[in-house]
Amino acid sequence: MPKLVIGEIPYLDCYPYFGPLRKKYGHDFFVYYAGHPTDLNTALKRGQIDVSISSSIEYCQNFENYMVLPELCIGSDGPVGSVLLFSDIPVEDLDEMTISLPPSSAAAVNLVKIILGKYFQFSNQFKTSWTEAEAHLLIGDSALRERTLERYPYVYDLGELWKEQTGLPMVFALWIVRKDTVDKKREQLIAFHQSLKNAINDARKNWAELANSLGNYDWMSKKEIIDYWKGIDFSLTSRHSKGLLTYFRDAEEMALVEAAPQEIEFVEMPI
């Protein structure tokens, strides 16, 4: 059976998928390809991987070539905990200020531009350099670690800001599949989708056991890790899809993408 090449993000928010998946629910035809979100976006486009937990905006930018695995995501209905804007001044005073952006995330970068540009009606400058910026966007483990340092007087969670402006959940990452993979590796995809559902259900049943299996997170307490996971939405509901399509339309309105899909095209799975 041909291998299914799976994109893996080595962040704490993805561990509830990949921890149990690797330990209990893997198959011999699963091959993992680790990278930051933007790296996996590129690998997916090039056909180096078949399916990936990937930036939600990547689907919007290339929806003609992709489909989405149903039921699963990384999102939040309010604060997400790891997509954070660190600022020297209050957010209401950030108009015309410079915001530094991480090179590792497309979804969060577009989200901060939408929130500040459309909803706050601000005109900001954006750069990748940390110097000479009044606020700094960080994601994933970098955001979690920076928050523990307490170096900035103002910290804003983009999941929370999005919910305040739209009343909807935000989806930061989707399980995106190349359409040619759907055609050529359907059997492997069905097995992988079931493994993912089993993995996340396993995680939800015993967060403490999952936290105990982690390494390299001694800068967070087990309680902080568990609370962080509990704040993430791993289920892609109809409300999450509505929030996602709103995000896509906002990105199109602000010319951040060429065109937004009218709907999300899901891979059909057996009942």
Protein backbone atom coordinates (compact mmCIF):
# COMPACT_ATOMS: atom_id res chain seq x y z
CA MET A 1 0.00 0.00 0.00
CA PRO A 2 1.41 3.45 -0.92
CA LYS A 3 2.52 5.63 1.99
CA LEU A 4 0.41 8.54 3.23
CA VAL A 5 2.73 11.48 3.95
CA ILE A 6 1.36 13.51 6.87
CA GLY A 7 2.36 17.08 7.76
CA GLU A 8 3.05 17.49 11.49
CA ILE A 9 3.44 20.80 13.35
CA PRO A 10 5.64 20.35 16.45
CA TYR A 11 3.59 22.75 18.60
CA LEU A 12 1.83 22.04 21.88
CA ASP A 13 -1.61 22.63 20.35
CA CYS A 14 -1.04 19.75 17.91
CA TYR A 15 0.14 17.23 20.48
CA PRO A 16 -3.40 16.01 21.36
CA TYR A 17 -3.53 14.74 17.77
CA PHE A 18 0.01 13.49 17.28
CA GLY A 19 0.78 12.13 20.76
CA PRO A 20 -1.94 9.45 20.74
CA LEU A 21 -1.66 9.03 16.96
CA ARG A 22 1.98 8.01 17.14
CA LYS A 23 1.57 5.96 20.30
CA LYS A 24 -1.62 4.02 19.64
CA TYR A 25 -3.33 4.76 16.33
CA GLY A 26 -0.60 4.75 13.68
CA HIS A 27 -0.40 2.51 10.63
CA ASP A 28 2.69 1.26 8.85
CA PHE A 29 1.75 3.37 5.81
CA PHE A 30 1.80 6.64 7.81
CA VAL A 31 4.91 8.79 7.20
CA TYR A 32 5.37 12.03 9.14
CA TYR A 33 6.82 15.26 7.76
CA ALA A 34 7.47 17.86 10.49
CA GLY A 35 7.65 21.60 9.91
CA HIS A 36 6.34 25.02 10.87
CA PRO A 37 2.92 25.98 9.43
CA THR A 38 4.31 28.00 6.51
CA ASP A 39 6.78 25.20 5.67
CA LEU A 40 3.95 22.66 5.54
CA ASN A 41 1.86 25.00 3.38
CA THR A 42 4.70 25.03 0.84
CA ALA A 43 5.23 21.27 1.04
CA LEU A 44 1.51 20.66 0.52
CA LYS A 45 1.45 22.88 -2.57
CA ARG A 46 4.49 21.10 -4.01
CA GLY A 47 3.03 17.65 -3.41
CA GLN A 48 5.73 16.67 -0.92
CA ILE A 49 2.99 15.75 1.55
CA ASP A 50 -0.50 14.36 1.06
CA VAL A 51 -2.39 15.71 4.06
CA SER A 52 -1.48 18.16 6.78
CA ILE A 53 -2.66 20.08 9.76
CA SER A 54 -2.14 23.39 8.01
CA SER A 55 -2.97 27.09 8.19
CA SER A 56 -6.65 27.64 7.43
CA ILE A 57 -5.78 30.47 5.04
CA GLU A 58 -3.80 27.97 2.94
CA TYR A 59 -7.08 26.30 2.01
CA CYS A 60 -8.57 29.67 1.05
CA GLN A 61 -5.58 30.52 -1.16
CA ASN A 62 -5.62 27.18 -3.01
CA PHE A 63 -9.12 25.75 -2.59
CA GLU A 64 -9.23 24.58 -6.22
CA ASN A 65 -6.52 22.03 -5.37
CA TYR A 66 -7.51 21.03 -1.83
CA MET A 67 -10.23 19.38 0.23
CA VAL A 68 -10.70 19.29 4.00
CA LEU A 69 -11.06 16.34 6.37
CA PRO A 70 -14.40 16.76 8.17
CA GLU A 71 -15.10 17.16 11.89
CA LEU A 72 -11.58 18.16 12.98
CA CYS A 73 -9.60 21.39 13.32
CA ILE A 74 -7.63 23.61 15.67
CA GLY A 75 -9.77 26.57 16.62
CA SER A 76 -11.37 28.46 19.47
CA ASP A 77 -14.67 30.01 20.43
CA GLY A 78 -12.98 32.84 22.29
CA PRO A 79 -9.39 32.87 23.61
CA VAL A 80 -7.08 30.26 22.09
CA GLY A 81 -4.09 30.96 24.32
CA SER A 82 -1.30 30.80 21.74
CA VAL A 83 -2.05 33.41 19.06
CA LEU A 84 -1.10 36.53 20.97
CA LEU A 85 -0.38 40.18 20.26
CA PHE A 86 2.14 41.57 22.76
CA SER A 87 2.04 45.35 22.97
CA ASP A 88 3.67 48.28 24.71
CA ILE A 89 0.42 50.26 24.38
CA PRO A 90 -3.33 49.48 24.47
CA VAL A 91 -4.81 48.02 21.29
CA GLU A 92 -7.05 51.06 20.82
CA ASP A 93 -3.90 53.19 20.46
CA LEU A 94 -2.22 51.01 17.81
CA ASP A 95 -3.51 52.97 14.80
CA GLU A 96 -0.61 53.84 12.45
CA MET A 97 1.79 51.86 14.64
CA THR A 98 4.17 49.13 13.46
CA ILE A 99 3.37 45.47 14.15
CA SER A 100 6.03 42.76 13.89
CA LEU A 101 4.85 39.49 12.37
CA PRO A 102 6.23 35.94 12.65
CA PRO A 103 7.37 34.25 9.44
CA SER A 104 5.92 30.93 10.62
CA SER A 105 2.15 31.52 10.42
CA ALA A 106 -0.07 32.61 7.55
CA ALA A 107 -3.44 32.27 9.34
CA ALA A 108 -2.53 34.48 12.31
CA VAL A 109 -0.75 37.08 10.16
CA ASN A 110 -3.85 37.54 8.01
CA LEU A 111 -6.10 37.51 11.06
CA VAL A 112 -4.29 40.38 12.79
CA LYS A 113 -4.45 42.39 9.55
CA ILE A 114 -8.21 41.76 9.33
CA ILE A 115 -8.90 42.59 12.97
CA LEU A 116 -6.87 45.81 12.94
CA GLY A 117 -7.64 46.86 9.37
CA LYS A 118 -11.32 45.99 8.98
CA TYR A 119 -12.77 45.92 12.48
CA PHE A 120 -10.65 48.60 14.19
CA GLN A 121 -10.27 50.61 10.95
CA PHE A 122 -6.56 51.09 11.64
CA SER A 123 -3.77 51.75 9.16
CA ASN A 124 -0.72 49.81 10.34
CA GLN A 125 2.72 48.98 9.07
CA PHE A 126 3.80 45.36 9.25
CA LYS A 127 7.34 43.99 9.33
CA THR A 128 9.11 40.78 10.29
CA SER A 129 11.75 42.50 12.41
CA TRP A 130 11.09 42.69 16.16
CA THR A 131 12.92 46.04 16.47
CA GLU A 132 11.14 49.37 16.11
CA ALA A 133 7.67 47.86 16.48
CA GLU A 134 5.08 48.82 19.07
CA ALA A 135 3.42 45.39 19.09
CA HIS A 136 4.49 41.87 18.25
CA LEU A 137 2.45 38.90 17.03
CA LEU A 138 3.58 35.47 18.17
CA ILE A 139 2.00 32.04 17.72
CA GLY A 140 2.31 28.56 19.13
CA ASP A 141 4.98 27.70 21.66
CA SER A 142 6.73 31.04 21.11
CA ALA A 143 3.60 32.86 22.24
CA LEU A 144 3.12 30.57 25.24
CA ARG A 145 6.73 31.06 26.35
CA GLU A 146 6.68 34.84 25.84
CA ARG A 147 3.56 35.14 27.98
CA THR A 148 5.32 33.47 30.92
CA LEU A 149 8.04 36.15 30.79
CA GLU A 150 5.51 38.96 31.47
CA ARG A 151 7.56 41.52 29.54
CA TYR A 152 4.66 43.41 27.96
CA PRO A 153 1.92 45.37 29.76
CA TYR A 154 -0.72 44.46 27.17
CA VAL A 155 -1.38 40.99 25.75
CA TYR A 156 -4.28 40.36 23.36
CA ASP A 157 -5.57 36.95 22.29
CA LEU A 158 -6.59 37.05 18.62
CA GLY A 159 -9.18 34.33 19.14
CA GLU A 160 -10.84 36.54 21.72
CA LEU A 161 -10.61 39.69 19.59
CA TRP A 162 -12.16 37.82 16.65
CA LYS A 163 -15.03 36.55 18.81
CA GLU A 164 -15.65 40.06 20.15
CA GLN A 165 -15.88 41.49 16.63
CA THR A 166 -17.81 38.71 14.86
CA GLY A 167 -19.49 36.62 17.55
CA LEU A 168 -18.04 33.54 15.84
CA PRO A 169 -15.33 30.95 16.49
CA MET A 170 -11.98 31.19 14.72
CA VAL A 171 -10.38 28.24 12.95
CA PHE A 172 -6.60 28.56 12.82
CA ALA A 173 -5.76 25.20 11.26
CA LEU A 174 -7.52 22.58 9.16
CA TRP A 175 -6.66 19.07 8.07
CA ILE A 176 -6.06 19.88 4.41
CA VAL A 177 -5.78 17.18 1.73
CA ARG A 178 -4.54 17.43 -1.83
CA LYS A 179 -7.29 16.50 -4.29
CA ASP A 180 -5.00 14.07 -6.10
CA THR A 181 -4.49 12.29 -2.76
CA VAL A 182 -8.27 11.93 -2.35
CA ASP A 183 -8.33 10.18 -5.73
CA LYS A 184 -5.21 8.00 -5.33
CA LYS A 185 -5.06 7.21 -1.60
CA ARG A 186 -8.67 7.14 -0.46
CA GLU A 187 -8.30 3.97 1.62
CA GLN A 188 -5.33 5.42 3.50
CA LEU A 189 -7.20 8.70 4.06
CA ILE A 190 -10.20 6.91 5.55
CA ALA A 191 -7.92 5.05 7.97
CA PHE A 192 -6.07 8.26 8.84
CA HIS A 193 -9.28 10.19 9.52
CA GLN A 194 -10.49 7.48 11.88
CA SER A 195 -7.10 7.42 13.60
CA LEU A 196 -7.27 11.18 14.12
CA LYS A 197 -10.74 10.93 15.68
CA ASN A 198 -9.57 8.12 17.94
CA ALA A 199 -6.49 10.12 18.93
CA ILE A 200 -8.34 13.27 19.92
CA ASN A 201 -11.02 11.29 21.77
CA ASP A 202 -8.23 9.52 23.66
CA ALA A 203 -6.68 12.86 24.58
CA ARG A 204 -9.97 14.30 25.85
CA LYS A 205 -10.52 11.28 28.12
CA ASN A 206 -7.23 11.76 29.94
CA TRP A 207 -5.54 15.13 29.58
CA ALA A 208 -3.31 14.43 32.59
CA GLU A 209 -1.85 11.26 31.07
CA LEU A 210 -1.20 13.12 27.83
CA ALA A 211 0.54 15.97 29.68
CA ASN A 212 2.72 13.50 31.56
CA SER A 213 3.95 12.05 28.25
CA LEU A 214 5.30 15.43 27.13
CA GLY A 215 8.96 16.43 27.19
CA ASN A 216 10.64 19.85 26.90
CA TYR A 217 7.83 21.85 28.52
CA ASP A 218 9.26 22.34 32.00
CA TRP A 219 8.54 26.08 31.67
CA MET A 220 4.80 25.33 31.94
CA SER A 221 3.06 23.50 34.74
CA LYS A 222 0.97 20.43 33.94
CA LYS A 223 -2.15 22.38 34.96
CA GLU A 224 -1.27 25.22 32.58
CA ILE A 225 -0.77 22.74 29.73
CA ILE A 226 -4.08 20.98 30.41
CA ASP A 227 -5.98 24.28 30.74
CA TYR A 228 -4.46 25.40 27.45
CA TRP A 229 -5.59 22.23 25.66
CA LYS A 230 -9.07 22.50 27.14
CA GLY A 231 -9.38 25.99 25.65
CA ILE A 232 -8.79 24.73 22.11
CA ASP A 233 -11.61 23.52 19.88
CA PHE A 234 -10.57 20.35 18.07
CA SER A 235 -14.05 19.80 16.59
CA LEU A 236 -15.02 21.53 13.36
CA THR A 237 -18.70 22.34 13.88
CA SER A 238 -21.12 24.24 11.65
CA ARG A 239 -20.44 27.40 13.72
CA HIS A 240 -16.72 26.97 13.17
CA SER A 241 -17.34 26.62 9.43
CA LYS A 242 -19.39 29.82 9.51
CA GLY A 243 -16.59 31.62 11.31
CA LEU A 244 -14.07 30.24 8.84
CA LEU A 245 -16.03 31.41 5.79
CA THR A 246 -16.40 34.85 7.40
CA TYR A 247 -12.63 34.98 7.86
CA PHE A 248 -12.13 33.97 4.22
CA ARG A 249 -14.55 36.67 2.99
CA ASP A 250 -12.83 39.29 5.14
CA ALA A 251 -9.47 38.26 3.67
CA GLU A 252 -10.88 38.65 0.16
CA GLU A 253 -12.42 42.04 1.04
CA MET A 254 -9.02 43.26 2.24
CA ALA A 255 -7.25 41.84 -0.84
CA LEU A 256 -5.24 39.40 1.27
CA VAL A 257 -6.40 36.58 -1.02
CA GLU A 258 -7.54 36.66 -4.64
CA ALA A 259 -10.87 34.94 -4.03
CA ALA A 260 -12.66 33.21 -1.16
CA PRO A 261 -14.49 29.89 -1.57
CA GLN A 262 -18.26 29.99 -1.22
CA GLU A 263 -18.18 26.81 0.82
CA ILE A 264 -15.71 24.34 2.27
CA GLU A 265 -15.28 21.16 0.23
CA PHE A 266 -15.02 18.23 2.62
CA VAL A 267 -13.71 14.75 1.87
CA GLU A 268 -16.66 12.38 2.01
CA MET A 269 -16.14 9.70 4.64
CA PRO A 270 -18.04 6.44 5.17
CA ILE A 271 -20.65 6.53 7.91
